[in-house]
């Protein structure tokens, strides 16, 4: 099942990818793209009846935690090493 990639296709892909390819690189890209398409054709020959489609190889679940404040905000510990502070803020040199 030799998939033949045209020069126009390689030019178009190069434009989309914003690549300037030499003639040798274009030939290599044609060969590589052809091999990829041949592999996809080979995969299409597999019998996948009864196999559930998946979107990811690992189980995906919500990894977000509840937004709950724990142990305060640590303000005092954060400001403990400040060279200079005013109220609950760091004092830093003025920059313009």
C-alpha atoms as a PDB file:
ATOM      1  CA  UNK A   1       0.000   0.000   0.000  1.00  0.00           C
ATOM      2  CA  UNK A   2       2.411   2.641  -1.077  1.00  0.00           C
ATOM      3  CA  UNK A   3       1.015   6.037  -0.219  1.00  0.00           C
ATOM      4  CA  UNK A   4       2.491   8.525  -2.627  1.00  0.00           C
ATOM      5  CA  UNK A   5       2.883  12.027  -1.272  1.00  0.00           C
ATOM      6  CA  UNK A   6       3.037  14.731  -3.911  1.00  0.00           C
ATOM      7  CA  UNK A   7       5.487  17.609  -4.019  1.00  0.00           C
ATOM      8  CA  UNK A   8       2.513  19.978  -3.679  1.00  0.00           C
ATOM      9  CA  UNK A   9       1.477  18.299  -0.427  1.00  0.00           C
ATOM     10  CA  UNK A  10       4.977  18.681   1.007  1.00  0.00           C
ATOM     11  CA  UNK A  11       5.062  22.343  -0.093  1.00  0.00           C
ATOM     12  CA  UNK A  12       1.657  22.936   1.520  1.00  0.00           C
ATOM     13  CA  UNK A  13       2.675  21.266   4.794  1.00  0.00           C
ATOM     14  CA  UNK A  14       5.885  23.312   4.774  1.00  0.00           C
ATOM     15  CA  UNK A  15       3.880  26.521   4.347  1.00  0.00           C
ATOM     16  CA  UNK A  16       1.510  25.546   7.161  1.00  0.00           C
ATOM     17  CA  UNK A  17       4.433  24.714   9.452  1.00  0.00           C
ATOM     18  CA  UNK A  18       6.311  27.833   8.307  1.00  0.00           C
ATOM     19  CA  UNK A  19       9.310  25.747   7.292  1.00  0.00           C
ATOM     20  CA  UNK A  20      11.747  26.296   4.493  1.00  0.00           C
ATOM     21  CA  UNK A  21      12.793  22.836   3.373  1.00  0.00           C
ATOM     22  CA  UNK A  22      15.689  21.974   1.105  1.00  0.00           C
ATOM     23  CA  UNK A  23      15.088  19.497  -1.721  1.00  0.00           C
ATOM     24  CA  UNK A  24      16.722  16.746   0.330  1.00  0.00           C
ATOM     25  CA  UNK A  25      14.505  17.542   3.335  1.00  0.00           C
ATOM     26  CA  UNK A  26      11.425  17.511   1.093  1.00  0.00           C
ATOM     27  CA  UNK A  27      12.343  14.063  -0.215  1.00  0.00           C
ATOM     28  CA  UNK A  28      12.917  12.782   3.326  1.00  0.00           C
ATOM     29  CA  UNK A  29       9.598  14.287   4.446  1.00  0.00           C
ATOM     30  CA  UNK A  30       7.775  12.623   1.529  1.00  0.00           C
ATOM     31  CA  UNK A  31       9.310   9.282   2.463  1.00  0.00           C
ATOM     32  CA  UNK A  32       8.492   9.706   6.191  1.00  0.00           C
ATOM     33  CA  UNK A  33       4.911  10.829   5.541  1.00  0.00           C
ATOM     34  CA  UNK A  34       4.397   7.890   3.192  1.00  0.00           C
ATOM     35  CA  UNK A  35       5.644   5.483   5.855  1.00  0.00           C
ATOM     36  CA  UNK A  36       3.320   7.041   8.443  1.00  0.00           C
ATOM     37  CA  UNK A  37       0.313   6.692   6.145  1.00  0.00           C
ATOM     38  CA  UNK A  38       1.273   3.089   5.359  1.00  0.00           C
ATOM     39  CA  UNK A  39       1.388   2.362   9.098  1.00  0.00           C
ATOM     40  CA  UNK A  40      -2.037   3.936   9.595  1.00  0.00           C
ATOM     41  CA  UNK A  41      -3.380   1.793   6.743  1.00  0.00           C
ATOM     42  CA  UNK A  42      -1.911  -1.257   8.467  1.00  0.00           C
ATOM     43  CA  UNK A  43      -3.632  -0.288  11.738  1.00  0.00           C
ATOM     44  CA  UNK A  44      -6.937   0.100   9.882  1.00  0.00           C
ATOM     45  CA  UNK A  45      -6.724  -3.603   8.979  1.00  0.00           C
ATOM     46  CA  UNK A  46      -7.069  -4.604  12.641  1.00  0.00           C
ATOM     47  CA  UNK A  47     -10.404  -5.980  13.829  1.00  0.00           C
ATOM     48  CA  UNK A  48     -11.502  -3.658  16.625  1.00  0.00           C
ATOM     49  CA  UNK A  49     -15.022  -4.986  17.053  1.00  0.00           C
ATOM     50  CA  UNK A  50     -16.004  -5.050  20.701  1.00  0.00           C
ATOM     51  CA  UNK A  51     -13.118  -2.850  21.767  1.00  0.00           C
ATOM     52  CA  UNK A  52     -14.219   0.277  23.560  1.00  0.00           C
ATOM     53  CA  UNK A  53     -12.693   3.486  22.181  1.00  0.00           C
ATOM     54  CA  UNK A  54     -10.551   5.448  24.608  1.00  0.00           C
ATOM     55  CA  UNK A  55      -9.313   9.006  24.698  1.00  0.00           C
ATOM     56  CA  UNK A  56      -6.283   8.323  26.873  1.00  0.00           C
ATOM     57  CA  UNK A  57      -4.219   5.302  27.854  1.00  0.00           C
ATOM     58  CA  UNK A  58      -4.482   6.149  31.552  1.00  0.00           C
ATOM     59  CA  UNK A  59      -7.754   6.595  33.417  1.00  0.00           C
ATOM     60  CA  UNK A  60      -8.620  10.273  33.471  1.00  0.00           C
ATOM     61  CA  UNK A  61     -10.396  11.767  36.435  1.00  0.00           C
ATOM     62  CA  UNK A  62     -10.849  15.214  37.893  1.00  0.00           C
ATOM     63  CA  UNK A  63      -7.592  16.072  39.631  1.00  0.00           C
ATOM     64  CA  UNK A  64      -8.737  19.405  41.016  1.00  0.00           C
ATOM     65  CA  UNK A  65      -9.193  19.713  44.747  1.00  0.00           C
ATOM     66  CA  UNK A  66     -11.699  21.786  46.581  1.00  0.00           C
ATOM     67  CA  UNK A  67     -10.527  25.362  47.085  1.00  0.00           C
ATOM     68  CA  UNK A  68     -10.401  25.305  50.872  1.00  0.00           C
ATOM     69  CA  UNK A  69      -8.207  27.539  53.029  1.00  0.00           C
ATOM     70  CA  UNK A  70      -6.122  25.467  55.401  1.00  0.00           C
ATOM     71  CA  UNK A  71      -3.984  26.740  58.271  1.00  0.00           C
ATOM     72  CA  UNK A  72      -4.525  30.402  57.414  1.00  0.00           C
ATOM     73  CA  UNK A  73      -2.558  32.282  54.800  1.00  0.00           C
ATOM     74  CA  UNK A  74       0.894  32.083  56.419  1.00  0.00           C
ATOM     75  CA  UNK A  75       1.227  35.879  56.394  1.00  0.00           C
ATOM     76  CA  UNK A  76       3.263  36.105  59.580  1.00  0.00           C
ATOM     77  CA  UNK A  77       5.650  33.335  58.541  1.00  0.00           C
ATOM     78  CA  UNK A  78       6.082  34.964  55.139  1.00  0.00           C
ATOM     79  CA  UNK A  79       6.831  38.398  56.571  1.00  0.00           C
ATOM     80  CA  UNK A  80       9.008  37.081  59.422  1.00  0.00           C
ATOM     81  CA  UNK A  81      12.219  37.434  57.377  1.00  0.00           C
ATOM     82  CA  UNK A  82      11.321  40.720  55.698  1.00  0.00           C
ATOM     83  CA  UNK A  83      14.090  43.307  56.116  1.00  0.00           C
ATOM     84  CA  UNK A  84      11.428  45.988  56.405  1.00  0.00           C
ATOM     85  CA  UNK A  85       7.658  45.798  56.581  1.00  0.00           C
ATOM     86  CA  UNK A  86       4.729  48.137  56.960  1.00  0.00           C
ATOM     87  CA  UNK A  87       1.479  46.707  58.253  1.00  0.00           C
ATOM     88  CA  UNK A  88       1.132  43.381  56.453  1.00  0.00           C
ATOM     89  CA  UNK A  89       3.290  44.253  53.423  1.00  0.00           C
ATOM     90  CA  UNK A  90       6.923  44.137  52.368  1.00  0.00           C
ATOM     91  CA  UNK A  91       8.636  47.517  52.001  1.00  0.00           C
ATOM     92  CA  UNK A  92      10.772  47.624  48.860  1.00  0.00           C
ATOM     93  CA  UNK A  93      12.752  50.379  47.139  1.00  0.00           C
ATOM     94  CA  UNK A  94      10.761  52.580  44.769  1.00  0.00           C
ATOM     95  CA  UNK A  95      11.390  51.774  41.114  1.00  0.00           C
ATOM     96  CA  UNK A  96      10.385  53.770  38.076  1.00  0.00           C
END
